[in-house]
Amino acid sequence: MMSSAESRVVRGWAALDLVVCALFVLPPVAAGFLKILLAINGRLGGTATVPTFEPLHWLFVCLAGALGVAWAVARLLTPLRILGRVDAFARLWVTALILYLVFVAGAPPVLLAFVATELGGALHQLWALRSSAREARW
């Protein structure tokens, strides 16, 4: 059984994900958010121009946003230990992906801001859910 503190940790990160992922669900909102991100990137000395997206690009942006919202809602409604741990490992993957894209593939450096939230969320959840690892099956 999960403690209320563990449940709050899983729900807290899910709530943050819900807000961020919701920004990518609809093309007009996603376009505005990307414009803001790239404006910040421009202030940091990088490119401030939003690339032209074709309909297929928007499909994947909005699909990722919708899946992120669904995953966040699942963890908000049912904050299970296993979901927190799966989320933590997914955040580690996303951290590695962002680092690769920025440092190897030339993605905008502003994306490094997401490394802090992804890595922070992973470590916080793994730490908060560690005490019950012996009692839980996973």
Foldseek 3Di string as FASTA:
>chain_A
DDDVVLLCLLLVLLVVLLVVLLQQQDVVSVVVVLLVLLCVLVVVPDHNDDDDDDPVNSVVSNVSSVVSNVLSVCCNVPVDLVSLQVLLVVLVVVLVVLCCCVPPVPDRPSCVVSNCSSNVSNVVSCVSSVVCPVVDPD
